C-alpha atoms as a PDB file:
ATOM      1  CA  UNK A   1      10.103 -28.435  11.834  1.00  0.00           C
ATOM      2  CA  UNK A   2      11.181 -29.640  15.281  1.00  0.00           C
ATOM      3  CA  UNK A   3       7.593 -30.653  16.080  1.00  0.00           C
ATOM      4  CA  UNK A   4       7.376 -32.660  12.850  1.00  0.00           C
ATOM      5  CA  UNK A   5      10.664 -34.446  13.519  1.00  0.00           C
ATOM      6  CA  UNK A   6       9.607 -35.128  17.114  1.00  0.00           C
ATOM      7  CA  UNK A   7       6.330 -36.679  15.936  1.00  0.00           C
ATOM      8  CA  UNK A   8       8.021 -38.952  13.400  1.00  0.00           C
ATOM      9  CA  UNK A   9      10.648 -40.137  15.881  1.00  0.00           C
ATOM     10  CA  UNK A  10       7.904 -40.717  18.467  1.00  0.00           C
ATOM     11  CA  UNK A  11       6.002 -42.939  16.018  1.00  0.00           C
ATOM     12  CA  UNK A  12       9.186 -44.892  15.254  1.00  0.00           C
ATOM     13  CA  UNK A  13      10.006 -45.228  18.964  1.00  0.00           C
ATOM     14  CA  UNK A  14       6.515 -46.582  19.705  1.00  0.00           C
ATOM     15  CA  UNK A  15       6.808 -49.068  16.847  1.00  0.00           C
ATOM     16  CA  UNK A  16      10.166 -50.427  17.992  1.00  0.00           C
ATOM     17  CA  UNK A  17       9.066 -50.501  21.641  1.00  0.00           C
ATOM     18  CA  UNK A  18       5.853 -52.318  20.724  1.00  0.00           C
ATOM     19  CA  UNK A  19       7.832 -54.972  18.880  1.00  0.00           C
ATOM     20  CA  UNK A  20      10.118 -55.397  21.898  1.00  0.00           C
ATOM     21  CA  UNK A  21       7.179 -55.734  24.299  1.00  0.00           C
ATOM     22  CA  UNK A  22       5.609 -58.323  22.044  1.00  0.00           C
ATOM     23  CA  UNK A  23       8.827 -60.345  21.812  1.00  0.00           C
ATOM     24  CA  UNK A  24       9.221 -60.374  25.590  1.00  0.00           C
ATOM     25  CA  UNK A  25       8.646 -63.809  27.093  1.00  0.00           C
ATOM     26  CA  UNK A  26       7.387 -63.220  30.618  1.00  0.00           C
ATOM     27  CA  UNK A  27       4.884 -64.499  33.153  1.00  0.00           C
ATOM     28  CA  UNK A  28       3.697 -60.940  33.881  1.00  0.00           C
ATOM     29  CA  UNK A  29       0.250 -59.990  32.633  1.00  0.00           C
ATOM     30  CA  UNK A  30      -0.546 -56.707  30.851  1.00  0.00           C
ATOM     31  CA  UNK A  31      -1.299 -54.753  34.047  1.00  0.00           C
ATOM     32  CA  UNK A  32       1.867 -55.914  35.792  1.00  0.00           C
ATOM     33  CA  UNK A  33       3.987 -55.249  32.701  1.00  0.00           C
ATOM     34  CA  UNK A  34       2.474 -51.792  32.325  1.00  0.00           C
ATOM     35  CA  UNK A  35       3.126 -51.062  35.984  1.00  0.00           C
ATOM     36  CA  UNK A  36       6.721 -52.216  35.636  1.00  0.00           C
ATOM     37  CA  UNK A  37       7.435 -49.987  32.656  1.00  0.00           C
ATOM     38  CA  UNK A  38       5.796 -46.992  34.323  1.00  0.00           C
ATOM     39  CA  UNK A  39       7.777 -47.558  37.507  1.00  0.00           C
ATOM     40  CA  UNK A  40      11.031 -47.681  35.537  1.00  0.00           C
ATOM     41  CA  UNK A  41      10.089 -44.601  33.510  1.00  0.00           C
ATOM     42  CA  UNK A  42       9.110 -42.675  36.655  1.00  0.00           C
ATOM     43  CA  UNK A  43      12.434 -43.622  38.217  1.00  0.00           C
ATOM     44  CA  UNK A  44      14.295 -42.284  35.172  1.00  0.00           C
ATOM     45  CA  UNK A  45      12.286 -39.046  35.378  1.00  0.00           C
ATOM     46  CA  UNK A  46      12.492 -38.765  39.175  1.00  0.00           C
ATOM     47  CA  UNK A  47      14.539 -35.515  39.045  1.00  0.00           C
ATOM     48  CA  UNK A  48      11.765 -33.949  36.939  1.00  0.00           C
ATOM     49  CA  UNK A  49       9.022 -35.246  39.252  1.00  0.00           C
ATOM     50  CA  UNK A  50      10.779 -33.728  42.278  1.00  0.00           C
ATOM     51  CA  UNK A  51      10.740 -30.263  40.681  1.00  0.00           C
ATOM     52  CA  UNK A  52       7.106 -30.163  39.534  1.00  0.00           C
ATOM     53  CA  UNK A  53       5.432 -26.845  40.524  1.00  0.00           C
ATOM     54  CA  UNK A  54       2.748 -28.293  42.812  1.00  0.00           C
ATOM     55  CA  UNK A  55       2.228 -25.039  44.689  1.00  0.00           C
ATOM     56  CA  UNK A  56       2.118 -22.824  41.622  1.00  0.00           C
ATOM     57  CA  UNK A  57      -0.002 -25.009  39.290  1.00  0.00           C
ATOM     58  CA  UNK A  58      -1.724 -27.708  41.348  1.00  0.00           C
ATOM     59  CA  UNK A  59      -4.850 -27.871  39.185  1.00  0.00           C
ATOM     60  CA  UNK A  60      -2.924 -28.394  35.947  1.00  0.00           C
ATOM     61  CA  UNK A  61      -0.826 -31.147  37.506  1.00  0.00           C
ATOM     62  CA  UNK A  62      -3.882 -32.913  38.924  1.00  0.00           C
ATOM     63  CA  UNK A  63      -5.443 -32.951  35.457  1.00  0.00           C
ATOM     64  CA  UNK A  64      -2.214 -34.400  34.056  1.00  0.00           C
ATOM     65  CA  UNK A  65      -2.340 -37.133  36.708  1.00  0.00           C
ATOM     66  CA  UNK A  66      -5.900 -37.922  35.611  1.00  0.00           C
ATOM     67  CA  UNK A  67      -4.769 -37.883  31.992  1.00  0.00           C
ATOM     68  CA  UNK A  68      -1.999 -40.358  32.773  1.00  0.00           C
ATOM     69  CA  UNK A  69      -4.320 -42.619  34.738  1.00  0.00           C
ATOM     70  CA  UNK A  70      -6.764 -42.826  31.869  1.00  0.00           C
ATOM     71  CA  UNK A  71      -4.429 -42.858  28.889  1.00  0.00           C
ATOM     72  CA  UNK A  72      -1.372 -44.633  30.294  1.00  0.00           C
ATOM     73  CA  UNK A  73      -2.655 -46.873  33.108  1.00  0.00           C
ATOM     74  CA  UNK A  74      -5.882 -48.060  31.488  1.00  0.00           C
ATOM     75  CA  UNK A  75      -5.094 -47.412  27.821  1.00  0.00           C
ATOM     76  CA  UNK A  76      -1.597 -48.902  27.785  1.00  0.00           C
ATOM     77  CA  UNK A  77      -2.695 -51.980  29.754  1.00  0.00           C
ATOM     78  CA  UNK A  78      -5.347 -52.662  27.134  1.00  0.00           C
ATOM     79  CA  UNK A  79      -2.814 -51.913  24.384  1.00  0.00           C
ATOM     80  CA  UNK A  80      -0.264 -54.399  25.751  1.00  0.00           C
ATOM     81  CA  UNK A  81      -2.961 -57.060  26.062  1.00  0.00           C
ATOM     82  CA  UNK A  82      -4.016 -56.471  22.451  1.00  0.00           C
ATOM     83  CA  UNK A  83      -0.398 -56.462  21.296  1.00  0.00           C
ATOM     84  CA  UNK A  84       0.124 -60.004  22.545  1.00  0.00           C
ATOM     85  CA  UNK A  85      -2.910 -61.221  20.634  1.00  0.00           C
ATOM     86  CA  UNK A  86      -2.802 -59.200  17.411  1.00  0.00           C
ATOM     87  CA  UNK A  87       0.876 -58.429  16.809  1.00  0.00           C
ATOM     88  CA  UNK A  88       2.599 -55.065  16.362  1.00  0.00           C
ATOM     89  CA  UNK A  89       1.391 -54.152  12.866  1.00  0.00           C
ATOM     90  CA  UNK A  90      -2.255 -55.027  13.417  1.00  0.00           C
ATOM     91  CA  UNK A  91      -2.425 -53.321  16.813  1.00  0.00           C
ATOM     92  CA  UNK A  92      -0.805 -50.121  15.547  1.00  0.00           C
ATOM     93  CA  UNK A  93      -3.198 -50.061  12.594  1.00  0.00           C
ATOM     94  CA  UNK A  94      -6.107 -50.242  15.042  1.00  0.00           C
ATOM     95  CA  UNK A  95      -4.503 -47.337  16.905  1.00  0.00           C
ATOM     96  CA  UNK A  96      -4.820 -45.191  13.771  1.00  0.00           C
ATOM     97  CA  UNK A  97      -8.468 -44.731  14.737  1.00  0.00           C
ATOM     98  CA  UNK A  98      -7.356 -42.311  17.465  1.00  0.00           C
ATOM     99  CA  UNK A  99      -7.466 -39.049  15.448  1.00  0.00           C
ATOM    100  CA  UNK A 100     -10.857 -39.959  13.976  1.00  0.00           C
ATOM    101  CA  UNK A 101     -12.269 -40.800  17.378  1.00  0.00           C
ATOM    102  CA  UNK A 102     -11.059 -37.413  18.596  1.00  0.00           C
ATOM    103  CA  UNK A 103     -12.624 -35.612  15.615  1.00  0.00           C
ATOM    104  CA  UNK A 104     -15.873 -37.540  15.968  1.00  0.00           C
ATOM    105  CA  UNK A 105     -16.043 -36.651  19.650  1.00  0.00           C
ATOM    106  CA  UNK A 106     -15.831 -32.975  18.755  1.00  0.00           C
ATOM    107  CA  UNK A 107     -18.580 -33.441  16.187  1.00  0.00           C
ATOM    108  CA  UNK A 108     -20.889 -35.256  18.601  1.00  0.00           C
ATOM    109  CA  UNK A 109     -20.278 -33.280  21.794  1.00  0.00           C
ATOM    110  CA  UNK A 110     -19.228 -29.837  20.589  1.00  0.00           C
ATOM    111  CA  UNK A 111     -21.146 -29.602  17.328  1.00  0.00           C
ATOM    112  CA  UNK A 112     -17.961 -29.178  15.287  1.00  0.00           C
ATOM    113  CA  UNK A 113     -18.539 -29.519  11.561  1.00  0.00           C
ATOM    114  CA  UNK A 114     -16.588 -32.125   9.614  1.00  0.00           C
ATOM    115  CA  UNK A 115     -15.974 -31.632   5.862  1.00  0.00           C
ATOM    116  CA  UNK A 116     -16.674 -34.319   3.298  1.00  0.00           C
ATOM    117  CA  UNK A 117     -12.966 -35.197   3.092  1.00  0.00           C
ATOM    118  CA  UNK A 118     -12.989 -36.073   6.790  1.00  0.00           C
ATOM    119  CA  UNK A 119     -15.800 -38.579   6.266  1.00  0.00           C
ATOM    120  CA  UNK A 120     -13.923 -40.133   3.331  1.00  0.00           C
ATOM    121  CA  UNK A 121     -10.851 -40.411   5.530  1.00  0.00           C
ATOM    122  CA  UNK A 122     -12.935 -42.035   8.243  1.00  0.00           C
ATOM    123  CA  UNK A 123     -14.158 -44.630   5.755  1.00  0.00           C
ATOM    124  CA  UNK A 124     -10.586 -45.383   4.661  1.00  0.00           C
ATOM    125  CA  UNK A 125      -9.423 -45.912   8.232  1.00  0.00           C
ATOM    126  CA  UNK A 126     -12.502 -48.021   9.005  1.00  0.00           C
ATOM    127  CA  UNK A 127     -11.701 -50.175   5.981  1.00  0.00           C
ATOM    128  CA  UNK A 128      -8.105 -50.618   7.152  1.00  0.00           C
ATOM    129  CA  UNK A 129      -9.288 -51.688  10.599  1.00  0.00           C
ATOM    130  CA  UNK A 130     -11.751 -54.150   9.078  1.00  0.00           C
ATOM    131  CA  UNK A 131      -8.970 -55.693   6.967  1.00  0.00           C
ATOM    132  CA  UNK A 132      -6.725 -55.993  10.011  1.00  0.00           C
ATOM    133  CA  UNK A 133      -9.477 -57.532  12.150  1.00  0.00           C
ATOM    134  CA  UNK A 134      -9.999 -60.289   9.569  1.00  0.00           C
ATOM    135  CA  UNK A 135      -6.315 -61.125   9.138  1.00  0.00           C
ATOM    136  CA  UNK A 136      -4.620 -64.032  10.839  1.00  0.00           C
ATOM    137  CA  UNK A 137      -2.206 -63.311  13.716  1.00  0.00           C
ATOM    138  CA  UNK A 138       1.572 -63.574  13.198  1.00  0.00           C
ATOM    139  CA  UNK A 139       3.161 -67.033  13.351  1.00  0.00           C
ATOM    140  CA  UNK A 140       4.932 -66.075  16.592  1.00  0.00           C
ATOM    141  CA  UNK A 141       1.575 -65.721  18.383  1.00  0.00           C
ATOM    142  CA  UNK A 142       1.068 -68.322  21.110  1.00  0.00           C
ATOM    143  CA  UNK A 143      -1.372 -71.091  20.261  1.00  0.00           C
ATOM    144  CA  UNK A 144      -3.837 -70.078  22.990  1.00  0.00           C
ATOM    145  CA  UNK A 145      -3.991 -66.559  21.529  1.00  0.00           C
ATOM    146  CA  UNK A 146      -4.723 -67.741  17.979  1.00  0.00           C
ATOM    147  CA  UNK A 147      -8.299 -68.771  18.769  1.00  0.00           C
ATOM    148  CA  UNK A 148     -11.054 -66.720  17.140  1.00  0.00           C
ATOM    149  CA  UNK A 149     -12.512 -65.779  20.526  1.00  0.00           C
ATOM    150  CA  UNK A 150      -9.162 -64.501  21.808  1.00  0.00           C
ATOM    151  CA  UNK A 151      -8.539 -62.621  18.566  1.00  0.00           C
ATOM    152  CA  UNK A 152     -11.890 -60.872  18.961  1.00  0.00           C
ATOM    153  CA  UNK A 153     -10.895 -59.950  22.497  1.00  0.00           C
ATOM    154  CA  UNK A 154      -7.710 -58.422  21.093  1.00  0.00           C
ATOM    155  CA  UNK A 155      -9.665 -56.280  18.639  1.00  0.00           C
ATOM    156  CA  UNK A 156     -12.010 -55.048  21.380  1.00  0.00           C
ATOM    157  CA  UNK A 157      -9.074 -54.300  23.691  1.00  0.00           C
ATOM    158  CA  UNK A 158      -7.353 -52.304  20.949  1.00  0.00           C
ATOM    159  CA  UNK A 159     -10.530 -50.273  20.370  1.00  0.00           C
ATOM    160  CA  UNK A 160     -10.920 -49.561  24.098  1.00  0.00           C
ATOM    161  CA  UNK A 161      -7.247 -48.573  24.230  1.00  0.00           C
ATOM    162  CA  UNK A 162      -7.910 -46.055  21.472  1.00  0.00           C
ATOM    163  CA  UNK A 163     -10.805 -44.508  23.410  1.00  0.00           C
ATOM    164  CA  UNK A 164      -8.738 -44.212  26.608  1.00  0.00           C
ATOM    165  CA  UNK A 165      -5.733 -42.842  24.730  1.00  0.00           C
ATOM    166  CA  UNK A 166      -7.796 -40.164  22.983  1.00  0.00           C
ATOM    167  CA  UNK A 167      -9.396 -39.061  26.245  1.00  0.00           C
ATOM    168  CA  UNK A 168      -6.016 -38.881  27.983  1.00  0.00           C
ATOM    169  CA  UNK A 169      -4.367 -37.005  25.098  1.00  0.00           C
ATOM    170  CA  UNK A 170      -7.231 -34.502  24.965  1.00  0.00           C
ATOM    171  CA  UNK A 171      -6.836 -33.653  28.643  1.00  0.00           C
ATOM    172  CA  UNK A 172      -3.065 -33.455  28.259  1.00  0.00           C
ATOM    173  CA  UNK A 173      -3.251 -31.081  25.286  1.00  0.00           C
ATOM    174  CA  UNK A 174      -5.687 -28.754  27.067  1.00  0.00           C
ATOM    175  CA  UNK A 175      -3.217 -28.484  29.953  1.00  0.00           C
ATOM    176  CA  UNK A 176      -0.205 -27.972  27.677  1.00  0.00           C
ATOM    177  CA  UNK A 177      -1.768 -25.010  25.859  1.00  0.00           C
ATOM    178  CA  UNK A 178      -3.136 -23.345  28.996  1.00  0.00           C
ATOM    179  CA  UNK A 179      -0.475 -23.962  31.674  1.00  0.00           C
ATOM    180  CA  UNK A 180       3.151 -22.951  31.927  1.00  0.00           C
ATOM    181  CA  UNK A 181       4.565 -26.477  31.892  1.00  0.00           C
ATOM    182  CA  UNK A 182       7.244 -28.012  29.681  1.00  0.00           C
ATOM    183  CA  UNK A 183       6.608 -31.171  27.627  1.00  0.00           C
ATOM    184  CA  UNK A 184       9.080 -33.003  29.898  1.00  0.00           C
ATOM    185  CA  UNK A 185       7.145 -31.998  33.023  1.00  0.00           C
ATOM    186  CA  UNK A 186       3.880 -32.981  31.380  1.00  0.00           C
ATOM    187  CA  UNK A 187       5.221 -36.386  30.334  1.00  0.00           C
ATOM    188  CA  UNK A 188       6.660 -37.081  33.797  1.00  0.00           C
ATOM    189  CA  UNK A 189       3.430 -36.116  35.551  1.00  0.00           C
ATOM    190  CA  UNK A 190       1.331 -38.276  33.227  1.00  0.00           C
ATOM    191  CA  UNK A 191       3.613 -41.257  33.878  1.00  0.00           C
ATOM    192  CA  UNK A 192       3.264 -40.698  37.628  1.00  0.00           C
ATOM    193  CA  UNK A 193      -0.524 -40.631  37.262  1.00  0.00           C
ATOM    194  CA  UNK A 194      -0.417 -43.908  35.382  1.00  0.00           C
ATOM    195  CA  UNK A 195       1.800 -45.514  37.999  1.00  0.00           C
ATOM    196  CA  UNK A 196      -0.370 -44.353  40.919  1.00  0.00           C
ATOM    197  CA  UNK A 197      -3.499 -45.842  39.382  1.00  0.00           C
ATOM    198  CA  UNK A 198      -1.743 -49.116  38.585  1.00  0.00           C
ATOM    199  CA  UNK A 199      -0.248 -49.691  42.032  1.00  0.00           C
ATOM    200  CA  UNK A 200      -3.450 -50.994  43.717  1.00  0.00           C
ATOM    201  CA  UNK A 201      -4.202 -53.269  40.776  1.00  0.00           C
ATOM    202  CA  UNK A 202      -0.679 -54.642  40.764  1.00  0.00           C
ATOM    203  CA  UNK A 203      -1.006 -55.381  44.475  1.00  0.00           C
ATOM    204  CA  UNK A 204      -4.240 -57.289  43.898  1.00  0.00           C
ATOM    205  CA  UNK A 205      -2.704 -59.235  41.031  1.00  0.00           C
ATOM    206  CA  UNK A 206       0.391 -60.159  43.031  1.00  0.00           C
ATOM    207  CA  UNK A 207      -1.769 -61.411  45.900  1.00  0.00           C
ATOM    208  CA  UNK A 208      -3.581 -63.738  43.527  1.00  0.00           C
ATOM    209  CA  UNK A 209      -0.260 -65.302  42.574  1.00  0.00           C
ATOM    210  CA  UNK A 210      -0.275 -67.794  45.469  1.00  0.00           C
ATOM    211  CA  UNK A 211       2.886 -68.792  47.267  1.00  0.00           C
ATOM    212  CA  UNK A 212       2.757 -72.568  46.501  1.00  0.00           C
ATOM    213  CA  UNK A 213       2.953 -71.849  42.755  1.00  0.00           C
ATOM    214  CA  UNK A 214       5.413 -68.991  42.317  1.00  0.00           C
ATOM    215  CA  UNK A 215       5.858 -67.585  38.853  1.00  0.00           C
ATOM    216  CA  UNK A 216       9.320 -68.037  37.317  1.00  0.00           C
ATOM    217  CA  UNK A 217      11.544 -65.024  37.585  1.00  0.00           C
ATOM    218  CA  UNK A 218      12.553 -63.430  34.303  1.00  0.00           C
ATOM    219  CA  UNK A 219      16.087 -64.042  33.144  1.00  0.00           C
ATOM    220  CA  UNK A 220      18.508 -61.164  33.288  1.00  0.00           C
ATOM    221  CA  UNK A 221      18.454 -60.598  29.535  1.00  0.00           C
ATOM    222  CA  UNK A 222      14.710 -59.917  29.721  1.00  0.00           C
ATOM    223  CA  UNK A 223      15.378 -56.921  31.914  1.00  0.00           C
ATOM    224  CA  UNK A 224      17.561 -55.475  29.191  1.00  0.00           C
ATOM    225  CA  UNK A 225      14.606 -55.738  26.795  1.00  0.00           C
ATOM    226  CA  UNK A 226      12.258 -54.214  29.371  1.00  0.00           C
ATOM    227  CA  UNK A 227      14.625 -51.299  29.995  1.00  0.00           C
ATOM    228  CA  UNK A 228      15.182 -50.548  26.297  1.00  0.00           C
ATOM    229  CA  UNK A 229      11.455 -50.789  25.502  1.00  0.00           C
ATOM    230  CA  UNK A 230      10.637 -48.512  28.447  1.00  0.00           C
ATOM    231  CA  UNK A 231      13.190 -45.884  27.452  1.00  0.00           C
ATOM    232  CA  UNK A 232      12.077 -45.989  23.814  1.00  0.00           C
ATOM    233  CA  UNK A 233       8.306 -46.097  24.085  1.00  0.00           C
ATOM    234  CA  UNK A 234       7.449 -44.779  27.528  1.00  0.00           C
ATOM    235  CA  UNK A 235      10.089 -42.107  28.151  1.00  0.00           C
ATOM    236  CA  UNK A 236      11.246 -40.957  24.710  1.00  0.00           C
ATOM    237  CA  UNK A 237       7.941 -41.656  22.932  1.00  0.00           C
ATOM    238  CA  UNK A 238       5.737 -39.745  25.383  1.00  0.00           C
ATOM    239  CA  UNK A 239       8.209 -36.852  25.647  1.00  0.00           C
ATOM    240  CA  UNK A 240       8.339 -36.444  21.861  1.00  0.00           C
ATOM    241  CA  UNK A 241       4.543 -36.776  21.690  1.00  0.00           C
ATOM    242  CA  UNK A 242       4.189 -33.842  24.105  1.00  0.00           C
ATOM    243  CA  UNK A 243       6.620 -31.766  22.018  1.00  0.00           C
ATOM    244  CA  UNK A 244       4.646 -32.522  18.831  1.00  0.00           C
ATOM    245  CA  UNK A 245       1.327 -31.664  20.505  1.00  0.00           C
ATOM    246  CA  UNK A 246       2.762 -28.408  21.818  1.00  0.00           C
ATOM    247  CA  UNK A 247       4.431 -27.197  18.606  1.00  0.00           C
ATOM    248  CA  UNK A 248       2.062 -28.448  15.890  1.00  0.00           C
ATOM    249  CA  UNK A 249      -1.649 -27.934  15.226  1.00  0.00           C
ATOM    250  CA  UNK A 250      -3.635 -30.851  16.611  1.00  0.00           C
ATOM    251  CA  UNK A 251      -4.572 -32.227  13.160  1.00  0.00           C
ATOM    252  CA  UNK A 252      -1.010 -32.226  11.858  1.00  0.00           C
ATOM    253  CA  UNK A 253       0.398 -33.598  15.110  1.00  0.00           C
ATOM    254  CA  UNK A 254      -2.027 -36.520  15.223  1.00  0.00           C
ATOM    255  CA  UNK A 255      -1.353 -37.303  11.560  1.00  0.00           C
ATOM    256  CA  UNK A 256       2.402 -37.428  12.093  1.00  0.00           C
ATOM    257  CA  UNK A 257       2.033 -39.508  15.252  1.00  0.00           C
ATOM    258  CA  UNK A 258      -0.265 -41.908  13.390  1.00  0.00           C
ATOM    259  CA  UNK A 259       2.388 -42.939  10.835  1.00  0.00           C
ATOM    260  CA  UNK A 260       3.217 -45.898  13.115  1.00  0.00           C
ATOM    261  CA  UNK A 261       1.218 -48.439  10.989  1.00  0.00           C
ATOM    262  CA  UNK A 262       3.569 -47.831   8.059  1.00  0.00           C
ATOM    263  CA  UNK A 263       6.640 -47.968  10.306  1.00  0.00           C
ATOM    264  CA  UNK A 264       5.319 -51.250  11.701  1.00  0.00           C
ATOM    265  CA  UNK A 265       5.959 -52.809   8.295  1.00  0.00           C
ATOM    266  CA  UNK A 266       9.655 -52.716   9.267  1.00  0.00           C
ATOM    267  CA  UNK A 267       9.114 -55.224  12.088  1.00  0.00           C
ATOM    268  CA  UNK A 268       6.551 -57.466  10.372  1.00  0.00           C
ATOM    269  CA  UNK A 269       9.132 -59.933   9.111  1.00  0.00           C
ATOM    270  CA  UNK A 270      10.766 -60.266  12.539  1.00  0.00           C
ATOM    271  CA  UNK A 271       7.389 -61.303  13.993  1.00  0.00           C
ATOM    272  CA  UNK A 272       6.736 -63.702  11.083  1.00  0.00           C
ATOM    273  CA  UNK A 273       3.726 -61.564  10.233  1.00  0.00           C
ATOM    274  CA  UNK A 274       2.144 -62.614   6.940  1.00  0.00           C
ATOM    275  CA  UNK A 275       1.966 -59.167   5.442  1.00  0.00           C
ATOM    276  CA  UNK A 276       0.803 -59.729   1.868  1.00  0.00           C
ATOM    277  CA  UNK A 277      -1.004 -57.125  -0.177  1.00  0.00           C
ATOM    278  CA  UNK A 278      -3.834 -56.951   2.362  1.00  0.00           C
ATOM    279  CA  UNK A 279      -1.546 -55.962   5.215  1.00  0.00           C
ATOM    280  CA  UNK A 280       0.256 -53.399   3.074  1.00  0.00           C
ATOM    281  CA  UNK A 281      -3.053 -51.954   1.896  1.00  0.00           C
ATOM    282  CA  UNK A 282      -4.378 -51.759   5.462  1.00  0.00           C
ATOM    283  CA  UNK A 283      -1.341 -49.774   6.647  1.00  0.00           C
ATOM    284  CA  UNK A 284      -1.445 -47.367   3.709  1.00  0.00           C
ATOM    285  CA  UNK A 285      -5.223 -46.914   4.005  1.00  0.00           C
ATOM    286  CA  UNK A 286      -4.877 -46.130   7.701  1.00  0.00           C
ATOM    287  CA  UNK A 287      -2.261 -43.397   7.261  1.00  0.00           C
ATOM    288  CA  UNK A 288      -3.951 -41.955   4.145  1.00  0.00           C
ATOM    289  CA  UNK A 289      -7.316 -41.882   5.891  1.00  0.00           C
ATOM    290  CA  UNK A 290      -5.949 -40.142   8.946  1.00  0.00           C
ATOM    291  CA  UNK A 291      -4.142 -37.546   6.815  1.00  0.00           C
ATOM    292  CA  UNK A 292      -7.229 -36.882   4.707  1.00  0.00           C
ATOM    293  CA  UNK A 293      -9.498 -36.617   7.739  1.00  0.00           C
ATOM    294  CA  UNK A 294      -7.489 -34.373  10.047  1.00  0.00           C
ATOM    295  CA  UNK A 295      -5.879 -32.159   7.405  1.00  0.00           C
ATOM    296  CA  UNK A 296      -9.037 -31.477   5.381  1.00  0.00           C
END
C-alpha cells in the first residue's frame, strides 16, 4: 500500500511542479533551468550524498550516475523545453508513452512476449498522443511558441524525453533490485549524475550570454517558485518514484506513476488550456491504455 500511495503522490507532485515550471517567467533556457533545479536539489540532499557507500558499492553508484545523466540531465532538459511549448497537460500526456516504450523495448531486444491486451493499450495511448499533438497550445503560451514549427519541435522533444526517461529508469530499477541502497540514496545519486552532466553545458551556455547584453536577473519571488517546484518535482517526486519502483511490480508502478495526465486536468484552467472533450478523452485514453498494457 505504501508503494501505491508513494506513486500517486509522486504523480501529483510532478504535475504541480510542471505547472510551476511552466508559469515561471525567466530568461534561463531549458538546460540552465534544469541545472539550477538539480543544483538546488543536490544541495538539499547533500547530507545523503556525503554518506553514499562509494567504497562498498562503487559500481552500483556509477550506474546510478549514468542513469541520472541520461534520464535527468538529458531527459528533463527536453521535458522542460517541451513543457514551455505544449503546456502541462499535453506534455504529461505525451509522457504516458513511457511504460509502453519500456515494454516495447523488452519485446524488441529481449524477445519478451506481449499479450493482445498490451497491443490494444498501446493503440489507446498512441491515439491519445495523436489527439494531443493536434491540439492547440494553451492561451498562456508565448506567441513565438504557438507556431506550427515550434509546436512540432515540442512534440519531438517530448518523445525524446520519454526515451531518455525510460532508459534512465530502467538502469535505476536494475540497481535498486540488485544493490543494497535505499530509495533516498538512489534518488540523490541520480540527481548528482544529472548535475555533473549539466555543468559543462551550463558553462558553455553562460559563455554565450555576452557581457554587453546581460540577461535580466529574476525577481526574488521567482526564486520562491523555483524552490517549491524543485522540492516538489525533483526531490519529493524522484524519491517517491524510487519507493514505488522498489515496492511495486514494474507494471503496477509505471501505471500508478503514469496517472499524471489525469491529474494535469486540475491545472488546465490555470494555464487557460482549452480542454474540451478532446483533451479529456486524450487524458483518459492515456491512463486507460497504460493500465491495460502493463497490467495485462
